[in-house]
Structures are given as C-alpha cells and as structure tokens.
Protein backbone atom coordinates (compact mmCIF):
# COMPACT_ATOMS: atom_id res chain seq x y z
CA MET A 1 -0.03 0.00 0.04
CA ARG A 2 1.20 3.52 -0.87
CA LEU A 3 0.99 6.28 1.68
CA SER A 4 0.86 9.91 0.70
CA VAL A 5 0.45 13.23 2.53
CA LEU A 6 -2.29 15.92 2.48
CA ASP A 7 -1.07 19.18 4.06
CA GLN A 8 -3.40 22.08 4.86
CA SER A 9 -0.64 24.23 6.32
CA THR A 10 -2.66 24.27 9.52
CA VAL A 11 -2.59 27.36 11.75
CA VAL A 12 -2.19 26.60 15.45
CA THR A 13 -2.67 28.81 18.48
CA GLY A 14 0.45 30.63 19.79
CA ARG A 15 2.25 30.74 16.42
CA SER A 16 2.01 33.12 13.50
CA PRO A 17 0.24 31.65 10.44
CA ASP A 18 3.28 32.25 8.13
CA ALA A 19 5.17 29.69 10.25
CA SER A 20 2.76 27.00 8.99
CA ILE A 21 4.06 27.55 5.39
CA ARG A 22 7.64 26.99 6.47
CA GLU A 23 6.61 23.90 8.48
CA SER A 24 4.99 22.55 5.30
CA LEU A 25 8.34 22.86 3.49
CA ALA A 26 10.15 20.94 6.26
CA LEU A 27 7.49 18.28 6.49
CA ALA A 28 7.63 17.61 2.76
CA ARG A 29 11.37 16.91 2.95
CA HIS A 30 10.82 14.73 6.00
CA CYS A 31 8.16 12.69 4.34
CA GLU A 32 10.10 12.25 1.17
CA ALA A 33 12.94 10.76 3.16
CA LEU A 34 10.48 8.31 4.74
CA GLY A 35 9.17 7.00 1.40
CA TYR A 36 5.82 8.69 1.07
CA HIS A 37 4.57 8.67 -2.53
CA ARG A 38 2.87 12.09 -2.87
CA TYR A 39 2.73 15.41 -1.05
CA TRP A 40 -0.43 17.34 -1.67
CA CYS A 41 -1.07 20.92 -0.77
CA ALA A 42 -4.68 22.11 -0.04
CA GLU A 43 -6.32 25.39 -0.88
CA HIS A 44 -8.36 27.43 1.56
CA HIS A 45 -9.15 31.17 1.76
CA ASN A 46 -10.08 33.68 4.43
CA SER A 47 -9.57 31.02 7.15
CA GLU A 48 -8.11 31.32 10.65
CA SER A 49 -7.50 27.54 10.40
CA GLN A 50 -5.40 27.05 7.32
CA ALA A 51 -2.60 29.20 5.85
CA GLY A 52 -2.46 27.35 2.49
CA THR A 53 -4.11 29.89 0.18
CA ALA A 54 -1.87 29.37 -2.93
CA PRO A 55 -1.00 25.67 -3.46
CA GLU A 56 0.67 26.39 -6.78
CA ILE A 57 3.29 28.54 -5.08
CA LEU A 58 3.88 26.14 -2.25
CA ILE A 59 4.13 23.22 -4.72
CA SER A 60 6.88 25.10 -6.52
CA ALA A 61 8.92 25.54 -3.36
CA ILE A 62 8.52 21.97 -2.34
CA ALA A 63 9.31 20.63 -5.83
CA ALA A 64 12.46 22.75 -5.93
CA THR A 65 13.66 21.37 -2.52
CA THR A 66 12.84 17.62 -3.03
CA SER A 67 13.98 15.16 -5.62
CA ARG A 68 11.74 12.13 -5.60
CA ILE A 69 8.34 12.58 -4.06
CA ARG A 70 5.43 13.63 -6.24
CA VAL A 71 4.11 17.04 -5.40
CA GLY A 72 0.72 18.47 -6.18
CA SER A 73 -2.58 20.05 -5.21
CA ALA A 74 -5.51 18.66 -3.29
CA GLY A 75 -6.69 20.71 -4.67
CA VAL A 76 -6.87 23.72 -6.85
CA MET A 77 -10.48 24.94 -6.56
CA LEU A 78 -11.02 25.40 -10.26
CA PRO A 79 -14.18 27.60 -10.34
CA HIS A 80 -12.15 30.43 -8.83
CA TYR A 81 -9.77 30.63 -11.81
CA SER A 82 -9.22 30.72 -15.56
CA ALA A 83 -8.61 27.15 -16.87
CA LEU A 84 -5.78 28.51 -19.06
CA LYS A 85 -3.98 30.11 -16.10
CA VAL A 86 -4.23 26.91 -14.07
CA ALA A 87 -2.85 24.91 -16.97
CA GLU A 88 0.01 27.40 -17.46
CA GLN A 89 0.89 27.24 -13.73
CA PHE A 90 1.10 23.51 -13.74
CA ARG A 91 2.99 23.41 -17.05
CA VAL A 92 5.62 25.60 -15.32
CA LEU A 93 5.63 23.29 -12.31
CA GLU A 94 6.05 20.31 -14.59
CA ALA A 95 9.15 22.05 -16.06
CA ILE A 96 10.52 22.53 -12.60
CA ALA A 97 10.00 18.87 -11.54
CA PRO A 98 9.38 16.72 -14.65
CA GLY A 99 7.34 13.64 -13.99
CA ARG A 100 6.59 14.59 -10.38
CA ILE A 101 3.63 17.05 -10.56
CA ASP A 102 0.00 16.24 -9.67
CA LEU A 103 -2.83 18.60 -10.47
CA GLY A 104 -5.70 17.72 -8.15
CA LEU A 105 -8.86 19.66 -9.02
CA GLY A 106 -11.95 20.40 -6.88
CA ARG A 107 -15.23 22.19 -7.39
CA ALA A 108 -15.85 23.33 -3.82
CA PRO A 109 -15.10 26.96 -2.87
CA GLY A 110 -12.72 26.18 0.00
CA SER A 111 -14.16 29.34 1.58
CA ASP A 112 -17.30 31.18 2.40
CA GLY A 113 -19.55 32.72 -0.27
CA ARG A 114 -18.32 36.23 0.11
CA THR A 115 -14.69 35.15 -0.23
CA ALA A 116 -15.58 33.00 -3.29
CA TYR A 117 -17.09 36.16 -4.86
CA ALA A 118 -13.93 38.18 -4.01
CA LEU A 119 -11.90 35.52 -5.84
CA ASN A 120 -14.37 35.32 -8.82
CA PRO A 121 -17.29 37.70 -9.27
CA ASN A 122 -19.00 34.90 -11.24
CA ALA A 123 -18.74 32.53 -8.27
CA ALA A 124 -22.49 31.93 -8.15
CA THR A 125 -22.43 30.17 -11.53
CA ALA A 126 -18.81 29.19 -11.94
CA ALA A 127 -19.20 25.79 -10.24
CA ASP A 128 -21.67 24.71 -12.98
CA GLN A 129 -18.89 25.18 -15.53
CA PHE A 130 -16.52 22.74 -13.72
CA PRO A 131 -16.79 19.90 -16.34
CA ALA A 132 -16.11 22.31 -19.25
CA GLN A 133 -13.20 23.91 -17.35
CA LEU A 134 -11.77 20.49 -16.66
CA ARG A 135 -11.98 19.54 -20.30
CA ASP A 136 -10.00 22.64 -21.16
CA VAL A 137 -7.42 22.08 -18.47
CA LEU A 138 -6.88 18.51 -19.66
CA ALA A 139 -6.16 19.69 -23.19
CA TRP A 140 -3.96 22.61 -22.28
CA THR A 141 -1.84 20.63 -19.82
CA ALA A 142 -1.35 17.82 -22.28
CA GLY A 143 -0.42 20.19 -25.15
CA GLU A 144 -3.51 19.17 -27.19
CA LYS A 145 -5.93 21.26 -29.15
CA LEU A 146 -9.34 22.15 -27.72
CA PRO A 147 -12.44 20.90 -29.59
CA GLU A 148 -13.47 22.17 -33.00
CA GLY A 149 -15.28 25.41 -32.72
CA HIS A 150 -13.84 26.28 -29.28
CA PRO A 151 -13.00 29.98 -29.26
CA PHE A 152 -9.59 29.36 -27.75
CA ARG A 153 -8.64 26.36 -29.92
CA GLU A 154 -5.37 27.90 -31.13
CA VAL A 155 -4.28 29.01 -27.68
CA ARG A 156 -1.33 27.05 -26.18
CA ALA A 157 -0.35 26.67 -22.57
CA GLN A 158 3.39 27.08 -22.23
CA PRO A 159 5.93 25.83 -21.41
CA GLY A 160 5.60 22.68 -23.49
CA GLY A 161 7.63 19.62 -22.65
CA PRO A 162 7.84 15.79 -22.88
CA THR A 163 5.98 15.15 -19.57
CA VAL A 164 2.57 16.34 -18.33
CA PRO A 165 1.08 16.76 -14.83
CA GLU A 166 -1.07 13.90 -13.61
CA VAL A 167 -4.61 15.25 -13.22
CA TRP A 168 -6.85 14.04 -10.40
CA VAL A 169 -10.43 14.81 -9.46
CA LEU A 170 -11.07 15.26 -5.73
CA GLY A 171 -14.38 15.13 -4.00
CA SER A 172 -16.55 14.30 -0.98
CA SER A 173 -19.71 13.45 -2.89
CA ASP A 174 -21.01 11.51 -5.88
CA TYR A 175 -20.48 14.56 -8.15
CA GLY A 176 -16.75 14.34 -8.23
CA ALA A 177 -16.93 10.55 -8.71
CA GLN A 178 -19.08 11.03 -11.79
CA VAL A 179 -16.85 13.67 -13.26
CA ALA A 180 -13.71 11.66 -12.71
CA ALA A 181 -15.33 8.60 -14.31
CA PHE A 182 -16.58 10.57 -17.32
CA PHE A 183 -13.06 11.93 -18.15
CA GLY A 184 -11.23 8.74 -17.26
CA LEU A 185 -9.21 10.33 -14.43
CA PRO A 186 -7.93 9.17 -11.01
CA TYR A 187 -10.25 10.08 -8.15
CA CYS A 188 -9.52 10.67 -4.53
CA PHE A 189 -12.38 10.73 -1.99
CA ALA A 190 -12.12 13.10 1.04
CA HIS A 191 -12.94 10.43 3.64
CA PHE A 192 -11.88 12.84 6.44
CA ILE A 193 -14.46 15.46 5.57
CA THR A 194 -17.45 13.03 5.63
CA ASP A 195 -16.15 10.74 8.41
CA GLY A 196 -16.56 7.95 5.98
CA ASN A 197 -20.14 8.61 5.05
CA GLY A 198 -20.66 8.04 1.31
CA THR A 199 -17.28 6.67 0.68
CA ALA A 200 -18.36 3.26 -0.55
CA GLN A 201 -21.17 4.76 -2.62
CA ALA A 202 -18.89 7.30 -4.33
CA LEU A 203 -16.16 4.81 -5.15
CA ASP A 204 -18.68 2.29 -6.43
CA LEU A 205 -20.22 4.88 -8.69
CA TYR A 206 -16.82 5.92 -9.95
CA ARG A 207 -15.79 2.34 -10.83
CA ARG A 208 -19.13 1.41 -12.38
CA THR A 209 -19.31 4.42 -14.64
CA TYR A 210 -15.65 4.70 -15.51
CA ARG A 211 -14.81 5.44 -19.11
CA PRO A 212 -11.20 4.33 -19.94
CA SER A 213 -8.85 7.09 -21.20
CA ASP A 214 -5.50 6.83 -23.00
CA ARG A 215 -3.57 7.71 -19.84
CA HIS A 216 -5.76 5.73 -17.45
CA PRO A 217 -7.22 2.59 -18.99
CA GLU A 218 -8.38 1.43 -15.64
CA PRO A 219 -10.00 3.45 -12.71
CA HIS A 220 -7.53 4.46 -9.96
CA ALA A 221 -9.13 5.51 -6.66
CA GLY A 222 -7.53 6.78 -3.44
CA LEU A 223 -8.70 7.92 -0.01
CA CYS A 224 -7.72 10.85 2.02
CA VAL A 225 -7.97 10.28 5.77
CA TRP A 226 -7.21 12.12 9.02
CA ALA A 227 -4.90 10.12 11.27
CA VAL A 228 -2.33 10.48 13.98
CA ALA A 229 -0.03 7.97 15.72
CA ALA A 230 2.09 8.10 18.81
CA GLU A 231 4.09 5.61 20.87
CA THR A 232 1.28 5.15 23.41
CA GLU A 233 -2.50 5.32 23.32
CA GLU A 234 -2.33 8.04 26.00
CA ALA A 235 -0.03 10.22 23.88
CA ALA A 236 -2.24 9.74 20.82
CA ASP A 237 -5.34 10.59 22.86
CA ARG A 238 -3.74 13.82 23.98
CA LEU A 239 -2.80 14.84 20.37
CA PHE A 240 -6.34 13.94 19.17
CA SER A 241 -7.93 16.21 21.78
CA SER A 242 -6.92 19.27 19.78
CA ARG A 243 -8.85 17.95 16.76
CA GLU A 244 -11.88 17.09 18.89
CA LEU A 245 -12.24 20.67 20.05
CA TRP A 246 -11.48 22.12 16.58
CA ARG A 247 -14.08 19.84 14.97
CA LEU A 248 -16.79 20.95 17.35
CA GLY A 249 -16.26 24.50 16.00
CA ARG A 250 -16.04 23.35 12.37
CA ASP A 251 -19.33 21.62 12.69
CA ARG A 252 -20.91 24.94 13.75
CA GLY A 253 -19.18 26.73 10.79
CA VAL A 254 -16.46 28.28 12.97
CA TYR A 255 -12.95 27.91 11.64
CA THR A 256 -10.26 28.77 14.27
CA ALA A 257 -6.62 28.11 14.86
CA LEU A 258 -6.02 24.58 16.08
CA PRO A 259 -6.01 24.60 19.93
CA SER A 260 -3.26 22.97 22.00
CA PRO A 261 -3.97 19.88 24.05
CA GLU A 262 -3.85 22.07 27.17
CA GLU A 263 -6.50 24.37 25.72
CA ALA A 264 -8.60 21.37 24.93
CA ALA A 265 -8.29 19.98 28.42
CA ALA A 266 -9.40 23.31 29.96
CA TYR A 267 -12.47 23.64 27.65
CA PRO A 268 -15.83 23.27 29.49
CA TYR A 269 -17.49 20.66 27.29
CA SER A 270 -21.29 20.38 27.55
CA ALA A 271 -23.04 17.06 27.64
CA VAL A 272 -24.09 17.45 24.00
CA GLU A 273 -20.50 18.16 22.93
CA ARG A 274 -19.22 15.16 24.83
CA ALA A 275 -21.80 13.04 23.06
CA ARG A 276 -20.68 14.41 19.69
CA ILE A 277 -17.01 13.63 20.64
CA ALA A 278 -17.95 10.05 21.58
CA ARG A 279 -19.45 9.51 18.12
CA MET A 280 -16.45 11.14 16.47
CA ARG A 281 -14.11 8.71 18.28
CA GLU A 282 -16.00 5.70 16.94
CA THR A 283 -14.47 6.23 13.44
CA ALA A 284 -11.42 8.38 14.21
CA LEU A 285 -7.97 7.04 13.32
CA PHE A 286 -5.63 7.64 16.29
CA GLY A 287 -3.52 5.53 18.56
CA THR A 288 -0.36 3.45 18.43
CA PRO A 289 1.18 2.92 15.02
CA GLU A 290 0.15 -0.77 15.11
CA LYS A 291 -3.45 0.25 15.70
CA VAL A 292 -3.58 3.07 13.13
CA SER A 293 -1.71 1.11 10.42
CA GLY A 294 -4.28 -1.75 10.96
CA GLN A 295 -7.10 0.72 10.44
CA LEU A 296 -5.47 2.06 7.29
CA ARG A 297 -5.09 -1.43 5.88
CA GLY A 298 -8.63 -2.18 6.78
CA LEU A 299 -9.87 0.95 4.96
CA ALA A 300 -7.76 0.05 1.93
CA GLN A 301 -9.17 -3.44 1.84
CA THR A 302 -12.78 -2.46 2.42
CA HIS A 303 -12.73 0.19 -0.34
CA GLY A 304 -10.40 -1.56 -2.74
CA VAL A 305 -7.71 1.10 -2.87
CA ASP A 306 -3.96 0.83 -2.79
CA GLU A 307 -3.20 4.45 -1.91
CA ILE A 308 -4.18 6.55 1.09
CA ALA A 309 -3.19 10.17 1.69
CA ILE A 310 -2.93 11.10 5.41
CA LEU A 311 -3.84 14.45 6.91
CA THR A 312 -2.36 15.02 10.39
CA THR A 313 -3.20 18.17 12.16
CA VAL A 314 -1.69 18.38 15.65
CA HIS A 315 -0.41 21.33 17.69
CA ASP A 316 3.10 20.12 18.18
CA GLN A 317 4.97 19.97 14.87
CA GLN A 318 7.55 17.52 16.12
CA ALA A 319 4.69 15.16 17.14
CA ARG A 320 3.28 15.54 13.66
CA ARG A 321 6.57 14.53 12.00
CA ARG A 322 6.91 11.66 14.48
CA SER A 323 3.42 10.43 13.55
CA TYR A 324 4.33 10.26 9.84
CA THR A 325 7.50 8.45 10.81
CA LEU A 326 5.69 5.87 12.96
CA LEU A 327 3.14 5.15 10.22
CA ALA A 328 5.85 4.82 7.58
CA GLU A 329 7.61 2.28 9.78
CA ALA A 330 4.40 0.35 10.59
CA ILE A 331 3.28 0.12 6.93
CA GLY A 332 6.81 -0.68 5.79
CA LEU A 333 7.53 2.16 3.43
CA ARG A 334 10.95 2.22 1.80
CA THR A 335 13.21 5.23 2.30
CA VAL A 336 15.04 6.93 -0.55
CA ASP A 337 18.03 4.58 -0.11
CA GLY A 338 15.73 1.56 -0.11
CA ALA A 339 15.82 0.76 3.67
CA LEU A 340 12.72 0.42 5.75
CA ALA A 341 11.54 3.73 7.13
CA ALA A 342 12.99 4.63 10.54
CA ASP A 343 13.63 7.73 12.54
C-alpha cells in the first residue's frame, strides 16, 4: 500500500500563520525521506484555520527542494480561476520537476460565499462550468488542441515539454466521482471530511461508470483520511484532543486556529458536545502505530484502494513529524536509499 500526505498548512494557536508555510516545506522533505509517494497541498481562503491559500506557489517551493516525491494540489479549486492560467501554472511546475507534478482539482469553494465572490465575481455560476473547465485544463496541460469550434482552440499553454502533470479529481460526494469517471481520471475521496459517510457509494459509482482514457485505461481511486499515531494510546489521545475541540467548532461553521491539548483539556465541554465527541471517536484514526496502520489497511481493503493520503493536524510539529515516521515504519515504506523507514 502506498501512503501519501495531504497538508493544509494548519494554523495553530500561539504561532504566526506564516510559520505554517515553512513547516510545510520541512514536513515535505521529512516525508520524502520516509518514502511517502505524494505530497499534496490544499487550498483554503479567508480562514483562521489554514494558511495554504496558494498551493501552486507552495508546490513550486516543495518541488524545488525535493527530488523524488510527487508534489501536487489537493486541490486547486477550479471555479475560482481561468482554466488557461491553471494549466500554465502547472505546465511551469512540470518544467521545474518533470514527472513529479499532480494537479488535483476540486469544485468546492474552500471558503465562504463572500470570499468566493472576491476571488471570482462569477462565483455563483462558476461551479456549474466545472466539467467544461476540466476539459480545457486537460487539453492545455497535455499540449492538445481544444475541440473544434472552441473560441480558444489555437491558444497554447506554455511551457511545453515531454511530460505532463497527472490530473486528479477530488471530491466528497457523488458529483466528483461522476466527473472523474466521465473523463477517465484518477479520483480521491475526502474520507476525512465526511467521516466515511458516502465513501463506498462514491467509489462504487466511480468504478461502475468509469470510461477508460488513454492515460488511465483502468480506474484508480484513493482515499484521504485524518490520522495520528504516537508511541502510546495516552499520547495519541492527547494529540487527538486538539482535533476534537476544533471539529466541534467546524461543525458549527467556525474555523479557528487549532488549539493545544492544554486548551482542549481546559475547555468546559457540555453534555451534548461530549456526546458528539464520543461519536467522532468511533471512526477516528488515532492511537499506536500498530493500531492506526491496521485501520489504514482495513480501509484500503474495504474500499479496494492501494493508496491513502494522510492528513495529520496536531499542535506540536515534532509530534506531527513523528506520527508520519511511525506510520511509515508500521506500513513498511521504503526510504530513498531503499531501507525500511525509521527515525
């Protein structure tokens, strides 16, 4: 099984948001050394929780400071932008790191409605154009002509080159599954957003309706999950407490910096909130590396995937790196020199 990384450049209490970007650069190098397959950067706007507003810029910095790991977006929220500009950006990234760039595309705004409008005044209708935009991005990134009659058929996305970015569709509903299947593209389901609800349905729909493409004759699906591992259950429980409190806010539409375990311990939880946390823990992936790696393998087997991207948001950055190390060891990833992953 392949393991990959999703990074939201999470903002935590007590540190400036810009530090989260530099921590992303360091984590990418760390995970490359451990044998992770991909490193994907998320896009969010006007958020106190995530500092990753421009994945294309962060991808460039990571690609320039790594040598093996694939680097990409999870994702670029296409309705905010011109399809041509996105294609040009990722053609440049492909020139920086040939054969290592992934272009993950999503339809969700990654923000509130007002911010989406600030990014694109046509935000109210832009999402409806997602399939047409995706068609154009695919042609431009591959150096192919757009369909006959298209007003931009003679426009080219530079720089050209012998390799092209690998395009993925990302989603947390049936919609993305259908779009990915129609265009014959790899599909990654955001299991961590839905807590697993709808995962099996979306992946089944994707596989049943898949139309083979030249680059991808067979469907290729992945999952993105939230997970954290520590040497003991107690240590993992403490790390998870930050996410518990943050998720309570997220479920109310409040996006704040990730609290510390100390802040979580001091919070006066109501009975309703404690009940919500108890339900959350039923499906959450946290614990010792043996426990979490077993859960990951179980998810992979249940959903028929051979690749899982892991999102780990904890307050202590050293604990986050350690978690990725422990999971690499438990799964048996191979490091750059071919040895089993170890600290």
